[in-house]
Amino acid sequence: MSERGALRVRLDRLVREVVKFGAVGGAGLLVNLLVFNLVRHTTTLPVVRASILATVVAIAFNYVGFRYFTYRDRDKSRRTKELTLFLLFSVVGLVIENGVLYTATYGFGWDSPLQSNVFKFLGIGIATLFRFWSYRTWVFRAQPAAAAVGLPDESFLERDRERPRPHRVRG
């Protein structure tokens, strides 16, 4: 496979991964915001505590989605380590996400329902960039064989498409 072809295969794989990550993340975002607003408006829990609770629920939801949808083809031989790293990086994301909300709420006094949702959403966005990088780099690692060659698991399909076909001579 040419260098250009290999680059295209890697780029196509990255785009598919981003789309799957976005689908799970989008559903997790909805879970996060739904739980946040439900807790915020039905309990007396302070805004940042309600947000942390919502984030924890979304983290559990996202793990299932990432493991069984986005990264289902990735190495499954080290589940304990995978879950430990997932939780570690998720906690860092939780701190980023809720740090933005905390700063807005207690640093600037922006505590209306609209402001809380805007800063919750902003924090989720910033934390998502970190999570995407950390999950794909450290948590849901590529299978050793595919990673060593630098090709996705379905690379044999790409190689087959690029192999020249013999021409038939009609006579």
Protein backbone atom coordinates (compact mmCIF):
# COMPACT_ATOMS: atom_id res chain seq x y z
CA MET A 1 0.00 0.00 0.00
CA SER A 2 1.33 3.43 -0.87
CA GLU A 3 2.10 5.99 1.79
CA ARG A 4 -0.79 8.10 0.53
CA GLY A 5 -3.15 5.11 0.68
CA ALA A 6 -2.04 4.27 4.21
CA LEU A 7 -2.60 7.87 5.27
CA ARG A 8 -6.09 7.81 3.77
CA VAL A 9 -6.93 4.56 5.57
CA ARG A 10 -5.76 6.04 8.90
CA LEU A 11 -7.71 9.25 8.26
CA ASP A 12 -10.86 7.29 7.36
CA ARG A 13 -10.49 5.25 10.53
CA LEU A 14 -10.03 8.39 12.63
CA VAL A 15 -13.15 9.96 11.10
CA ARG A 16 -15.20 6.81 11.88
CA GLU A 17 -13.82 6.81 15.42
CA VAL A 18 -14.69 10.50 15.93
CA VAL A 19 -18.23 9.90 14.63
CA LYS A 20 -18.76 6.91 16.96
CA PHE A 21 -17.19 8.79 19.88
CA GLY A 22 -19.49 11.72 19.09
CA ALA A 23 -22.57 9.51 18.97
CA VAL A 24 -21.85 7.99 22.38
CA GLY A 25 -20.69 11.34 23.74
CA GLY A 26 -23.82 13.06 22.42
CA ALA A 27 -26.03 10.52 24.14
CA GLY A 28 -23.89 10.89 27.29
CA LEU A 29 -24.29 14.68 27.04
CA LEU A 30 -28.06 14.28 27.01
CA VAL A 31 -27.91 11.93 30.02
CA ASN A 32 -25.61 14.38 31.82
CA LEU A 33 -27.79 17.44 31.18
CA LEU A 34 -31.03 15.56 31.91
CA VAL A 35 -29.79 14.23 35.25
CA PHE A 36 -28.25 17.63 36.09
CA ASN A 37 -31.48 19.52 35.48
CA LEU A 38 -33.62 16.88 37.14
CA VAL A 39 -31.49 16.92 40.29
CA ARG A 40 -31.09 20.70 40.19
CA HIS A 41 -34.83 21.37 39.99
CA THR A 42 -36.20 18.57 42.19
CA THR A 43 -33.73 18.67 45.09
CA THR A 44 -31.97 21.25 47.19
CA LEU A 45 -28.54 19.94 46.22
CA PRO A 46 -26.13 22.79 45.36
CA VAL A 47 -25.47 23.30 41.65
CA VAL A 48 -21.94 21.87 41.51
CA ARG A 49 -22.90 18.79 43.55
CA ALA A 50 -25.85 18.21 41.21
CA SER A 51 -23.44 18.53 38.31
CA ILE A 52 -20.95 16.06 39.80
CA LEU A 53 -23.74 13.53 40.34
CA ALA A 54 -24.90 13.98 36.74
CA THR A 55 -21.33 13.62 35.48
CA VAL A 56 -20.86 10.35 37.38
CA VAL A 57 -24.07 8.93 35.85
CA ALA A 58 -22.90 10.03 32.39
CA ILE A 59 -19.45 8.47 32.95
CA ALA A 60 -21.07 5.07 33.66
CA PHE A 61 -23.32 5.44 30.61
CA ASN A 62 -20.39 6.44 28.41
CA TYR A 63 -18.16 3.55 29.50
CA VAL A 64 -20.74 1.06 28.30
CA GLY A 65 -21.16 2.95 25.02
CA PHE A 66 -17.44 3.32 24.39
CA ARG A 67 -16.55 -0.27 25.31
CA TYR A 68 -19.36 -1.95 23.36
CA PHE A 69 -19.82 0.48 20.43
CA THR A 70 -17.04 2.97 19.76
CA TYR A 71 -14.08 0.80 20.78
CA ARG A 72 -15.59 -2.68 20.55
CA ASP A 73 -12.79 -3.79 18.22
CA ARG A 74 -10.04 -2.71 20.61
CA ASP A 75 -7.98 -4.85 22.97
CA LYS A 76 -10.20 -6.52 25.59
CA SER A 77 -7.50 -8.51 27.36
CA ARG A 78 -6.84 -5.96 30.09
CA ARG A 79 -10.30 -4.94 31.34
CA THR A 80 -9.23 -4.10 34.90
CA LYS A 81 -6.50 -1.78 33.69
CA GLU A 82 -8.85 -0.35 31.05
CA LEU A 83 -11.55 0.42 33.62
CA THR A 84 -9.02 1.88 36.06
CA LEU A 85 -7.59 4.19 33.39
CA PHE A 86 -11.09 5.07 32.17
CA LEU A 87 -12.12 6.09 35.68
CA LEU A 88 -8.88 8.01 36.24
CA PHE A 89 -9.21 10.03 33.04
CA SER A 90 -12.96 10.43 33.63
CA VAL A 91 -12.26 11.94 37.05
CA VAL A 92 -9.83 14.41 35.43
CA GLY A 93 -12.59 15.23 32.92
CA LEU A 94 -15.06 15.59 35.81
CA VAL A 95 -12.73 18.11 37.48
CA ILE A 96 -12.34 20.07 34.22
CA GLU A 97 -16.08 20.03 33.51
CA ASN A 98 -17.17 20.97 37.00
CA GLY A 99 -14.27 23.36 37.53
CA VAL A 100 -15.71 25.55 34.76
CA LEU A 101 -19.16 25.43 36.40
CA TYR A 102 -17.69 26.06 39.86
CA THR A 103 -15.73 29.09 38.62
CA ALA A 104 -18.80 30.54 36.90
CA THR A 105 -21.09 29.88 39.86
CA TYR A 106 -18.91 30.79 42.82
CA GLY A 107 -16.27 32.96 41.16
CA PHE A 108 -18.61 35.16 39.12
CA GLY A 109 -22.01 34.53 40.75
CA TRP A 110 -23.55 33.22 37.52
CA ASP A 111 -26.10 30.84 39.02
CA SER A 112 -29.34 31.19 37.05
CA PRO A 113 -30.65 27.99 35.44
CA LEU A 114 -29.63 29.27 31.99
CA GLN A 115 -26.15 30.30 33.13
CA SER A 116 -25.64 26.99 34.94
CA ASN A 117 -26.56 25.05 31.79
CA VAL A 118 -24.34 27.21 29.57
CA PHE A 119 -21.30 26.74 31.80
CA LYS A 120 -22.08 23.06 32.37
CA PHE A 121 -22.18 22.63 28.59
CA LEU A 122 -18.96 24.63 28.11
CA GLY A 123 -17.21 22.51 30.75
CA ILE A 124 -18.41 19.32 29.07
CA GLY A 125 -17.02 20.57 25.75
CA ILE A 126 -13.57 21.30 27.16
CA ALA A 127 -13.49 18.03 29.10
CA THR A 128 -14.60 16.10 25.98
CA LEU A 129 -11.47 17.14 24.09
CA PHE A 130 -9.34 15.82 26.94
CA ARG A 131 -11.38 12.62 27.22
CA PHE A 132 -11.22 11.85 23.49
CA TRP A 133 -7.44 12.15 23.49
CA SER A 134 -6.93 10.19 26.72
CA TYR A 135 -9.43 7.41 25.99
CA ARG A 136 -8.09 6.68 22.51
CA THR A 137 -4.45 7.00 23.61
CA TRP A 138 -4.44 5.23 26.96
CA VAL A 139 -7.71 3.44 27.69
CA PHE A 140 -9.13 1.76 24.56
CA ARG A 141 -5.86 0.89 22.86
CA ALA A 142 -5.67 -0.58 19.38
CA GLN A 143 -5.08 -4.29 18.97
CA PRO A 144 -1.31 -4.97 18.98
CA ALA A 145 -1.27 -6.43 15.43
CA ALA A 146 -3.18 -3.53 13.88
CA ALA A 147 -1.19 -0.96 15.82
CA ALA A 148 2.16 -2.44 14.81
CA VAL A 149 1.34 -2.21 11.12
CA GLY A 150 -0.48 1.11 11.53
CA LEU A 151 -3.57 -0.19 9.78
CA PRO A 152 -7.10 -0.72 11.03
CA ASP A 153 -8.41 -4.23 11.56
CA GLU A 154 -10.25 -4.06 8.24
CA SER A 155 -7.02 -3.14 6.40
CA PHE A 156 -7.12 -6.34 4.37
CA LEU A 157 -10.16 -4.88 2.56
CA GLU A 158 -8.22 -1.75 1.63
CA ARG A 159 -5.21 -3.74 0.43
CA ASP A 160 -7.46 -5.95 -1.67
CA ARG A 161 -9.09 -2.92 -3.32
CA GLU A 162 -5.73 -1.45 -4.24
CA ARG A 163 -4.29 -4.66 -5.67
CA PRO A 164 -4.20 -4.44 -9.48
CA ARG A 165 -6.60 -6.75 -11.25
CA PRO A 166 -5.55 -8.73 -14.29
CA HIS A 167 -7.13 -7.49 -17.50
CA ARG A 168 -9.19 -9.92 -19.50
CA VAL A 169 -8.60 -10.03 -23.19
CA ARG A 170 -11.71 -10.63 -25.20
CA GLY A 171 -11.23 -12.40 -28.39
